[in-house]
Amino acid sequence: ERKVTNDLTEEEPFLLKDLPKSPVVGPRRKGGRMHIRTGFNWATKGVCGVVLETVVQGGMRYTSVPAVRRFFAAVTAAK
């Protein structure tokens, strides 16, 4: 069961498929980017019981920089 604590409509949304290009994620080892599927896994399966907040509009899934930061903080706390 997902519990939404914040309203993504109040934040600047961007397409989830653009998450690997986002500066909030940063580069991976050896300067590479994360795989595009990783963000979708965070949004559907989650990590350590934490799911990335997203909204679907017109068949496209969106998230926001604050939502990603909250996700990282919650995963860090869960670990």
C-alpha atoms as a PDB file:
ATOM      1  CA  GLU A   1       0.000   0.000   0.000  1.00  0.00           C
ATOM      2  CA  ARG A   2       1.402   3.364  -1.039  1.00  0.00           C
ATOM      3  CA  LYS A   3       1.088   6.320   1.271  1.00  0.00           C
ATOM      4  CA  VAL A   4       1.481   9.661  -0.484  1.00  0.00           C
ATOM      5  CA  THR A   5       2.766  12.251   1.957  1.00  0.00           C
ATOM      6  CA  ASN A   6       3.454  15.042  -0.535  1.00  0.00           C
ATOM      7  CA  ASP A   7       1.593  16.405  -3.516  1.00  0.00           C
ATOM      8  CA  LEU A   8       3.752  16.186  -6.648  1.00  0.00           C
ATOM      9  CA  THR A   9       1.409  18.561  -8.442  1.00  0.00           C
ATOM     10  CA  GLU A  10       2.825  21.373  -6.293  1.00  0.00           C
ATOM     11  CA  GLU A  11       6.381  20.598  -7.487  1.00  0.00           C
ATOM     12  CA  GLU A  12       8.140  20.981 -10.846  1.00  0.00           C
ATOM     13  CA  PRO A  13       7.563  17.606 -12.571  1.00  0.00           C
ATOM     14  CA  PHE A  14       9.820  15.926 -15.101  1.00  0.00           C
ATOM     15  CA  LEU A  15       9.467  12.672 -17.009  1.00  0.00           C
ATOM     16  CA  LEU A  16      10.692   9.635 -15.125  1.00  0.00           C
ATOM     17  CA  LYS A  17      12.517   8.500 -18.255  1.00  0.00           C
ATOM     18  CA  ASP A  18      14.701  11.624 -17.900  1.00  0.00           C
ATOM     19  CA  LEU A  19      15.814  10.714 -14.364  1.00  0.00           C
ATOM     20  CA  PRO A  20      19.220   9.339 -15.470  1.00  0.00           C
ATOM     21  CA  LYS A  21      20.009  12.737 -17.046  1.00  0.00           C
ATOM     22  CA  SER A  22      18.921  14.640 -13.938  1.00  0.00           C
ATOM     23  CA  PRO A  23      21.639  16.288 -11.830  1.00  0.00           C
ATOM     24  CA  VAL A  24      19.947  15.006  -8.661  1.00  0.00           C
ATOM     25  CA  VAL A  25      21.070  11.457  -9.530  1.00  0.00           C
ATOM     26  CA  GLY A  26      24.628  12.329 -10.484  1.00  0.00           C
ATOM     27  CA  PRO A  27      27.158  10.203 -12.341  1.00  0.00           C
ATOM     28  CA  ARG A  28      27.772   6.553 -11.625  1.00  0.00           C
ATOM     29  CA  ARG A  29      31.092   4.805 -11.331  1.00  0.00           C
ATOM     30  CA  LYS A  30      33.427   5.442 -14.228  1.00  0.00           C
ATOM     31  CA  GLY A  31      31.281   8.433 -15.260  1.00  0.00           C
ATOM     32  CA  GLY A  32      28.347   6.434 -16.635  1.00  0.00           C
ATOM     33  CA  ARG A  33      24.646   7.057 -16.136  1.00  0.00           C
ATOM     34  CA  MET A  34      22.190   4.869 -14.296  1.00  0.00           C
ATOM     35  CA  HIS A  35      20.053   2.628 -16.489  1.00  0.00           C
ATOM     36  CA  ILE A  36      16.712   4.114 -17.529  1.00  0.00           C
ATOM     37  CA  ARG A  37      14.888   1.102 -16.036  1.00  0.00           C
ATOM     38  CA  THR A  38      16.270   1.844 -12.544  1.00  0.00           C
ATOM     39  CA  GLY A  39      13.949   4.813 -12.019  1.00  0.00           C
ATOM     40  CA  PHE A  40      10.947   2.765 -13.095  1.00  0.00           C
ATOM     41  CA  ASN A  41      11.960   0.017 -10.660  1.00  0.00           C
ATOM     42  CA  TRP A  42      12.217   2.604  -7.858  1.00  0.00           C
ATOM     43  CA  ALA A  43       8.715   3.820  -8.753  1.00  0.00           C
ATOM     44  CA  THR A  44       7.101   0.376  -8.934  1.00  0.00           C
ATOM     45  CA  LYS A  45       9.033  -2.094  -6.788  1.00  0.00           C
ATOM     46  CA  GLY A  46      10.872   0.357  -4.536  1.00  0.00           C
ATOM     47  CA  VAL A  47      14.013  -0.138  -2.468  1.00  0.00           C
ATOM     48  CA  CYS A  48      13.935  -1.334   1.163  1.00  0.00           C
ATOM     49  CA  GLY A  49      10.170  -0.826   1.204  1.00  0.00           C
ATOM     50  CA  VAL A  50      10.416   2.767  -0.041  1.00  0.00           C
ATOM     51  CA  VAL A  51       8.748   3.668  -3.364  1.00  0.00           C
ATOM     52  CA  LEU A  52       9.613   6.746  -5.427  1.00  0.00           C
ATOM     53  CA  GLU A  53       6.647   9.133  -5.635  1.00  0.00           C
ATOM     54  CA  THR A  54       5.307   9.511  -9.169  1.00  0.00           C
ATOM     55  CA  VAL A  55       2.191  10.652 -10.970  1.00  0.00           C
ATOM     56  CA  VAL A  56       0.866   9.397 -14.288  1.00  0.00           C
ATOM     57  CA  GLN A  57      -0.585  11.907 -16.706  1.00  0.00           C
ATOM     58  CA  GLY A  58      -1.503  11.073 -20.268  1.00  0.00           C
ATOM     59  CA  GLY A  59       0.185   7.696 -19.997  1.00  0.00           C
ATOM     60  CA  MET A  60       3.522   9.240 -19.001  1.00  0.00           C
ATOM     61  CA  ARG A  61       5.026   8.853 -15.528  1.00  0.00           C
ATOM     62  CA  TYR A  62       6.428  11.951 -13.820  1.00  0.00           C
ATOM     63  CA  THR A  63       8.411  12.634 -10.656  1.00  0.00           C
ATOM     64  CA  SER A  64      10.175  15.696  -9.209  1.00  0.00           C
ATOM     65  CA  VAL A  65      13.578  16.584  -7.795  1.00  0.00           C
ATOM     66  CA  PRO A  66      12.194  16.983  -4.242  1.00  0.00           C
ATOM     67  CA  ALA A  67      10.484  13.568  -4.573  1.00  0.00           C
ATOM     68  CA  VAL A  68      13.783  11.950  -5.590  1.00  0.00           C
ATOM     69  CA  ARG A  69      15.560  13.610  -2.664  1.00  0.00           C
ATOM     70  CA  ARG A  70      12.854  12.378  -0.261  1.00  0.00           C
ATOM     71  CA  PHE A  71      13.224   8.902  -1.771  1.00  0.00           C
ATOM     72  CA  PHE A  72      17.018   8.918  -1.235  1.00  0.00           C
ATOM     73  CA  ALA A  73      16.592  10.132   2.364  1.00  0.00           C
ATOM     74  CA  ALA A  74      13.975   7.475   3.137  1.00  0.00           C
ATOM     75  CA  VAL A  75      16.074   4.672   1.618  1.00  0.00           C
ATOM     76  CA  THR A  76      19.110   5.860   3.596  1.00  0.00           C
ATOM     77  CA  ALA A  77      17.050   5.875   6.808  1.00  0.00           C
ATOM     78  CA  ALA A  78      15.639   2.421   6.017  1.00  0.00           C
ATOM     79  CA  LYS A  79      19.091   0.935   5.559  1.00  0.00           C
END
